[in-house]
């Protein structure tokens, strides 16, 4: 493996459509979480980027499913 192998790079942020694909949550739920401050994002031009660290924390804080 070469040091600059991009396939091993962990993204720092994700576009909304990617967050929806990763989590299975709806766009509405993601935007609700952003508005409430549960998720952190930055703007890059017109693009909203959800911070990967914030996404991981948000997922960890969600209630656990008990069967």
C-alpha atoms as a PDB file:
ATOM      1  CA  UNK A   1       0.000   0.000   0.000  1.00  0.00           C
ATOM      2  CA  UNK A   2       1.280   3.435  -0.902  1.00  0.00           C
ATOM      3  CA  UNK A   3       1.149   6.291   1.661  1.00  0.00           C
ATOM      4  CA  UNK A   4      -1.174   8.356  -0.545  1.00  0.00           C
ATOM      5  CA  UNK A   5      -3.651   5.562  -1.242  1.00  0.00           C
ATOM      6  CA  UNK A   6      -6.983   7.453  -1.251  1.00  0.00           C
ATOM      7  CA  UNK A   7      -9.029   4.280  -0.707  1.00  0.00           C
ATOM      8  CA  UNK A   8      -7.784   4.252   2.904  1.00  0.00           C
ATOM      9  CA  UNK A   9      -8.646   7.887   3.639  1.00  0.00           C
ATOM     10  CA  UNK A  10     -11.460   8.476   6.139  1.00  0.00           C
ATOM     11  CA  UNK A  11     -13.593  11.419   5.000  1.00  0.00           C
ATOM     12  CA  UNK A  12     -13.795  14.417   7.335  1.00  0.00           C
ATOM     13  CA  UNK A  13     -17.268  15.345   6.141  1.00  0.00           C
ATOM     14  CA  UNK A  14     -20.193  14.066   4.078  1.00  0.00           C
ATOM     15  CA  UNK A  15     -22.778  15.677   1.812  1.00  0.00           C
ATOM     16  CA  UNK A  16     -26.390  15.284   2.917  1.00  0.00           C
ATOM     17  CA  UNK A  17     -27.162  12.628   0.290  1.00  0.00           C
ATOM     18  CA  UNK A  18     -24.220  10.551   1.543  1.00  0.00           C
ATOM     19  CA  UNK A  19     -25.370  10.917   5.176  1.00  0.00           C
ATOM     20  CA  UNK A  20     -28.805   9.640   4.118  1.00  0.00           C
ATOM     21  CA  UNK A  21     -27.184   6.663   2.355  1.00  0.00           C
ATOM     22  CA  UNK A  22     -24.846   5.890   5.266  1.00  0.00           C
ATOM     23  CA  UNK A  23     -27.465   6.084   8.012  1.00  0.00           C
ATOM     24  CA  UNK A  24     -30.716   5.160   6.304  1.00  0.00           C
ATOM     25  CA  UNK A  25     -32.303   8.217   7.934  1.00  0.00           C
ATOM     26  CA  UNK A  26     -34.487  10.488   5.833  1.00  0.00           C
ATOM     27  CA  UNK A  27     -33.310  13.880   4.570  1.00  0.00           C
ATOM     28  CA  UNK A  28     -35.950  15.449   6.812  1.00  0.00           C
ATOM     29  CA  UNK A  29     -34.564  13.686   9.900  1.00  0.00           C
ATOM     30  CA  UNK A  30     -31.018  14.774   9.004  1.00  0.00           C
ATOM     31  CA  UNK A  31     -32.066  18.405   8.530  1.00  0.00           C
ATOM     32  CA  UNK A  32     -34.068  18.259  11.784  1.00  0.00           C
ATOM     33  CA  UNK A  33     -30.935  17.027  13.584  1.00  0.00           C
ATOM     34  CA  UNK A  34     -28.926  19.873  12.041  1.00  0.00           C
ATOM     35  CA  UNK A  35     -31.507  22.489  13.066  1.00  0.00           C
ATOM     36  CA  UNK A  36     -31.647  21.170  16.637  1.00  0.00           C
ATOM     37  CA  UNK A  37     -27.860  21.102  16.953  1.00  0.00           C
ATOM     38  CA  UNK A  38     -27.712  17.302  17.295  1.00  0.00           C
ATOM     39  CA  UNK A  39     -25.565  17.199  14.147  1.00  0.00           C
ATOM     40  CA  UNK A  40     -22.858  19.681  13.184  1.00  0.00           C
ATOM     41  CA  UNK A  41     -22.259  20.829   9.643  1.00  0.00           C
ATOM     42  CA  UNK A  42     -20.318  23.457   7.738  1.00  0.00           C
ATOM     43  CA  UNK A  43     -21.128  25.288   4.547  1.00  0.00           C
ATOM     44  CA  UNK A  44     -18.728  25.104   1.602  1.00  0.00           C
ATOM     45  CA  UNK A  45     -20.262  27.451  -0.907  1.00  0.00           C
ATOM     46  CA  UNK A  46     -23.828  26.187  -1.310  1.00  0.00           C
ATOM     47  CA  UNK A  47     -22.933  22.672  -0.145  1.00  0.00           C
ATOM     48  CA  UNK A  48     -23.754  21.504   3.375  1.00  0.00           C
ATOM     49  CA  UNK A  49     -21.124  19.150   4.766  1.00  0.00           C
ATOM     50  CA  UNK A  50     -21.892  17.109   7.876  1.00  0.00           C
ATOM     51  CA  UNK A  51     -18.787  16.546   9.958  1.00  0.00           C
ATOM     52  CA  UNK A  52     -17.885  12.852  10.203  1.00  0.00           C
ATOM     53  CA  UNK A  53     -17.033  13.154  13.898  1.00  0.00           C
ATOM     54  CA  UNK A  54     -20.431  14.733  14.582  1.00  0.00           C
ATOM     55  CA  UNK A  55     -22.221  12.038  12.573  1.00  0.00           C
ATOM     56  CA  UNK A  56     -20.509   9.286  14.577  1.00  0.00           C
ATOM     57  CA  UNK A  57     -21.394  10.960  17.902  1.00  0.00           C
ATOM     58  CA  UNK A  58     -25.009  11.438  16.780  1.00  0.00           C
ATOM     59  CA  UNK A  59     -25.338   7.762  15.862  1.00  0.00           C
ATOM     60  CA  UNK A  60     -23.826   6.693  19.189  1.00  0.00           C
ATOM     61  CA  UNK A  61     -26.352   8.837  21.098  1.00  0.00           C
ATOM     62  CA  UNK A  62     -29.403   7.340  19.382  1.00  0.00           C
ATOM     63  CA  UNK A  63     -31.501   5.011  21.545  1.00  0.00           C
ATOM     64  CA  UNK A  64     -30.545   1.356  21.434  1.00  0.00           C
ATOM     65  CA  UNK A  65     -32.986  -1.136  19.996  1.00  0.00           C
ATOM     66  CA  UNK A  66     -34.085  -3.701  22.549  1.00  0.00           C
ATOM     67  CA  UNK A  67     -35.719  -6.778  21.070  1.00  0.00           C
END
